[in-house]
């Protein structure tokens, strides 16, 4: 898939929103948003995107695909499905679970399943790469080999070094999202209404007592 085809796929289900007024989780304001949750119900589109991930990493011949829970589980399953057919052998699709201290753990027997194996890590969106890095640390701790990482969208200019020095980091889409502090928001100054369907816009308006 070309970059334009990937972008069109995301835009078709409103997973990529532009020219809007968004309030991000950080409290910053901006004009674009990646609504990954809007993508997941569309199995045909998810399958196509994961086939692209599988195609990019087929030469590395991973034995398993792993992702941070929750949304990444869907990507792990579909990518492993396509790799299984491409490589004509079983490729496992597993996931790591978040724990109370903010870290991740690989359990349910998945740790033993991937021990000593070549593993591809997948994720939907990375901003700092923190979650992916924690998963990679756990993969290495149990003696598996991370052959690469692929994400749907890299919105923080995250590098392979940022997430633990992996051999390769690919993103189907590199996204630059302009963001401003509330006091400096150009969209607020222009009186452009805040989007209450995605992001933290609704909560922001309630906090400001704006209906």
Protein backbone atom coordinates (compact mmCIF):
# COMPACT_ATOMS: atom_id res chain seq x y z
CA UNK A 1 0.00 0.00 0.00
CA UNK A 2 1.19 3.51 -0.75
CA UNK A 3 1.17 6.27 1.86
CA UNK A 4 -1.82 7.84 0.13
CA UNK A 5 -3.72 4.55 0.18
CA UNK A 6 -3.00 4.11 3.88
CA UNK A 7 -4.09 7.67 4.60
CA UNK A 8 -7.26 7.20 2.55
CA UNK A 9 -8.06 3.98 4.45
CA UNK A 10 -7.84 5.79 7.78
CA UNK A 11 -9.78 8.80 6.55
CA UNK A 12 -12.57 6.61 5.12
CA UNK A 13 -13.57 5.50 8.64
CA UNK A 14 -12.72 8.84 10.27
CA UNK A 15 -9.73 7.36 12.02
CA UNK A 16 -7.65 10.26 10.70
CA UNK A 17 -9.29 13.61 11.36
CA UNK A 18 -7.88 16.87 10.03
CA UNK A 19 -9.01 20.51 9.91
CA UNK A 20 -10.77 20.26 13.26
CA UNK A 21 -10.33 21.74 16.75
CA UNK A 22 -9.17 19.01 19.09
CA UNK A 23 -8.34 19.00 22.77
CA UNK A 24 -5.72 16.31 23.40
CA UNK A 25 -5.28 14.20 26.54
CA UNK A 26 -2.30 16.40 27.44
CA UNK A 27 -4.56 19.47 27.52
CA UNK A 28 -2.93 20.89 24.41
CA UNK A 29 -5.07 21.98 21.46
CA UNK A 30 -4.55 21.05 17.82
CA UNK A 31 -6.16 20.59 14.43
CA UNK A 32 -5.77 16.85 13.80
CA UNK A 33 -6.48 13.61 15.59
CA UNK A 34 -5.87 9.89 15.12
CA UNK A 35 -8.99 8.07 16.31
CA UNK A 36 -7.72 4.50 16.30
CA UNK A 37 -10.91 3.21 17.92
CA UNK A 38 -12.86 4.23 14.81
CA UNK A 39 -10.72 1.85 12.74
CA UNK A 40 -11.00 -1.36 14.76
CA UNK A 41 -14.62 -2.30 13.94
CA UNK A 42 -13.78 -2.37 10.20
CA UNK A 43 -12.24 -5.82 9.80
CA UNK A 44 -11.59 -5.57 6.07
CA UNK A 45 -9.59 -2.36 6.49
CA UNK A 46 -7.71 -3.66 9.53
CA UNK A 47 -6.88 -6.81 7.58
CA UNK A 48 -5.49 -4.79 4.67
CA UNK A 49 -3.31 -2.63 6.93
CA UNK A 50 -2.00 -5.67 8.80
CA UNK A 51 -1.27 -7.42 5.50
CA UNK A 52 0.95 -4.44 4.69
CA UNK A 53 2.75 -4.83 8.03
CA UNK A 54 3.19 -8.55 7.38
CA UNK A 55 4.54 -7.89 3.89
CA UNK A 56 7.11 -5.44 5.24
CA UNK A 57 8.47 -7.90 7.81
CA UNK A 58 8.04 -11.25 6.04
CA UNK A 59 11.75 -11.43 5.15
CA UNK A 60 12.64 -11.26 8.85
CA UNK A 61 10.49 -14.41 9.29
CA UNK A 62 9.07 -13.72 12.76
CA UNK A 63 7.76 -16.62 14.82
CA UNK A 64 5.28 -14.47 16.72
CA UNK A 65 3.65 -11.05 16.73
CA UNK A 66 3.03 -9.28 20.02
CA UNK A 67 1.31 -6.03 20.96
CA UNK A 68 0.43 -4.04 24.06
CA UNK A 69 -3.18 -4.55 25.14
CA UNK A 70 -5.83 -3.46 24.37
CA UNK A 71 -6.21 -2.21 20.82
CA UNK A 72 -2.94 -3.68 19.68
CA UNK A 73 -4.32 -7.17 20.24
CA UNK A 74 -6.36 -6.83 17.05
CA UNK A 75 -3.27 -5.80 15.08
CA UNK A 76 -1.29 -8.70 16.52
CA UNK A 77 -3.91 -11.24 15.51
CA UNK A 78 -4.38 -10.00 11.95
CA UNK A 79 -0.66 -9.53 11.30
CA UNK A 80 0.11 -13.03 12.59
CA UNK A 81 -2.72 -14.38 10.42
CA UNK A 82 -1.22 -12.89 7.25
CA UNK A 83 2.34 -13.92 8.16
CA UNK A 84 1.14 -17.49 8.72
CA UNK A 85 -0.04 -17.63 5.10
CA UNK A 86 2.96 -15.77 3.70
CA UNK A 87 5.51 -17.96 5.50
CA UNK A 88 3.43 -21.15 5.19
CA UNK A 89 3.89 -21.99 8.87
CA UNK A 90 2.31 -21.03 12.17
CA UNK A 91 3.05 -17.50 13.39
CA UNK A 92 1.61 -16.79 16.83
CA UNK A 93 -0.39 -13.70 17.72
CA UNK A 94 -0.07 -12.77 21.39
CA UNK A 95 -0.20 -9.72 23.65
CA UNK A 96 1.25 -8.10 26.76
CA UNK A 97 -0.99 -6.83 29.53
CA UNK A 98 -0.65 -3.58 31.46
CA UNK A 99 -0.18 -3.81 35.22
CA UNK A 100 -0.96 -1.36 38.00
CA UNK A 101 2.48 0.25 38.12
CA UNK A 102 2.22 1.19 34.44
CA UNK A 103 4.46 -1.59 33.19
CA UNK A 104 3.59 -4.62 31.09
CA UNK A 105 3.68 -8.34 31.69
CA UNK A 106 3.58 -11.27 29.28
CA UNK A 107 1.61 -14.09 30.89
CA UNK A 108 -1.14 -16.66 30.08
CA UNK A 109 1.65 -18.95 28.87
CA UNK A 110 2.60 -16.56 26.08
CA UNK A 111 6.01 -16.00 27.69
CA UNK A 112 6.87 -19.68 27.27
CA UNK A 113 5.37 -19.70 23.75
CA UNK A 114 7.69 -16.98 22.46
CA UNK A 115 10.79 -17.75 24.53
CA UNK A 116 13.80 -18.05 22.24
CA UNK A 117 11.70 -17.02 19.22
CA UNK A 118 11.88 -14.11 16.77
CA UNK A 119 9.19 -11.58 17.64
CA UNK A 120 7.63 -8.65 15.77
CA UNK A 121 6.04 -5.93 17.93
CA UNK A 122 3.02 -4.03 16.57
CA UNK A 123 1.12 -1.04 17.94
CA UNK A 124 -1.48 1.40 16.66
CA UNK A 125 -0.15 4.86 17.56
CA UNK A 126 3.12 5.91 19.21
CA UNK A 127 3.68 9.38 20.62
CA UNK A 128 6.61 8.79 22.99
CA UNK A 129 7.03 5.05 22.43
CA UNK A 130 6.87 4.41 26.17
CA UNK A 131 4.44 1.48 26.08
CA UNK A 132 6.23 -0.25 23.22
CA UNK A 133 9.57 0.14 24.99
CA UNK A 134 8.18 -1.51 28.14
CA UNK A 135 6.86 -4.43 26.10
CA UNK A 136 10.22 -4.83 24.38
CA UNK A 137 11.95 -4.93 27.76
CA UNK A 138 9.69 -7.80 28.82
CA UNK A 139 10.23 -9.67 25.56
CA UNK A 140 13.98 -9.50 26.02
CA UNK A 141 13.72 -10.46 29.68
CA UNK A 142 12.14 -13.80 28.77
CA UNK A 143 14.79 -14.51 26.15
CA UNK A 144 12.98 -13.69 22.91
CA UNK A 145 14.50 -11.72 20.02
CA UNK A 146 12.79 -8.52 18.87
CA UNK A 147 13.32 -8.37 15.11
CA UNK A 148 11.44 -5.11 14.63
CA UNK A 149 8.49 -2.88 15.44
CA UNK A 150 5.73 -1.67 13.14
CA UNK A 151 3.05 0.89 14.04
CA UNK A 152 0.07 2.26 12.20
CA UNK A 153 1.05 5.85 12.95
CA UNK A 154 4.12 7.49 14.44
CA UNK A 155 2.92 10.85 15.68
CA UNK A 156 5.91 11.70 17.87
CA UNK A 157 8.88 11.22 15.53
CA UNK A 158 9.81 8.21 17.69
CA UNK A 159 13.00 6.45 16.62
CA UNK A 160 14.26 2.89 16.98
CA UNK A 161 16.70 4.11 19.65
CA UNK A 162 13.87 5.69 21.65
CA UNK A 163 12.22 2.31 22.17
CA UNK A 164 15.28 0.32 23.13
CA UNK A 165 17.49 0.18 20.08
CA UNK A 166 15.45 -2.26 18.01
CA UNK A 167 16.84 -3.30 14.61
CA UNK A 168 14.01 -1.60 12.74
CA UNK A 169 11.02 0.66 13.37
CA UNK A 170 8.47 1.10 10.59
CA UNK A 171 5.34 3.25 10.55
CA UNK A 172 2.61 2.97 7.96
CA UNK A 173 2.06 6.67 8.45
CA UNK A 174 4.33 9.39 9.85
CA UNK A 175 2.07 12.08 11.31
CA UNK A 176 2.98 15.55 12.53
CA UNK A 177 0.29 17.03 14.75
CA UNK A 178 0.67 20.70 15.59
CA UNK A 179 -0.27 21.42 19.19
CA UNK A 180 -0.59 24.60 21.21
CA UNK A 181 -1.11 25.51 24.83
CA UNK A 182 -4.67 26.66 25.47
CA UNK A 183 -3.57 30.30 25.86
CA UNK A 184 -1.77 30.20 22.51
CA UNK A 185 -4.33 28.17 20.55
CA UNK A 186 -4.84 29.71 17.13
CA UNK A 187 -8.16 27.91 16.73
CA UNK A 188 -9.53 29.33 19.97
CA UNK A 189 -8.52 32.80 18.85
CA UNK A 190 -10.41 32.27 15.59
CA UNK A 191 -13.51 31.09 17.46
CA UNK A 192 -13.50 27.66 15.81
CA UNK A 193 -15.77 25.29 17.79
CA UNK A 194 -14.13 22.47 19.74
CA UNK A 195 -14.73 18.93 18.50
CA UNK A 196 -16.63 17.06 21.24
CA UNK A 197 -16.77 13.71 19.41
CA UNK A 198 -13.11 12.78 19.86
CA UNK A 199 -10.31 13.67 22.21
CA UNK A 200 -11.05 15.54 25.44
CA UNK A 201 -13.19 18.31 23.96
CA UNK A 202 -16.38 17.42 25.80
CA UNK A 203 -14.62 17.27 29.17
CA UNK A 204 -12.86 20.55 28.41
CA UNK A 205 -16.13 22.35 27.75
CA UNK A 206 -17.73 20.94 30.90
CA UNK A 207 -14.74 22.11 32.93
CA UNK A 208 -15.04 25.57 31.38
CA UNK A 209 -18.83 25.56 31.90
CA UNK A 210 -19.37 26.06 28.18
CA UNK A 211 -22.35 24.36 26.56
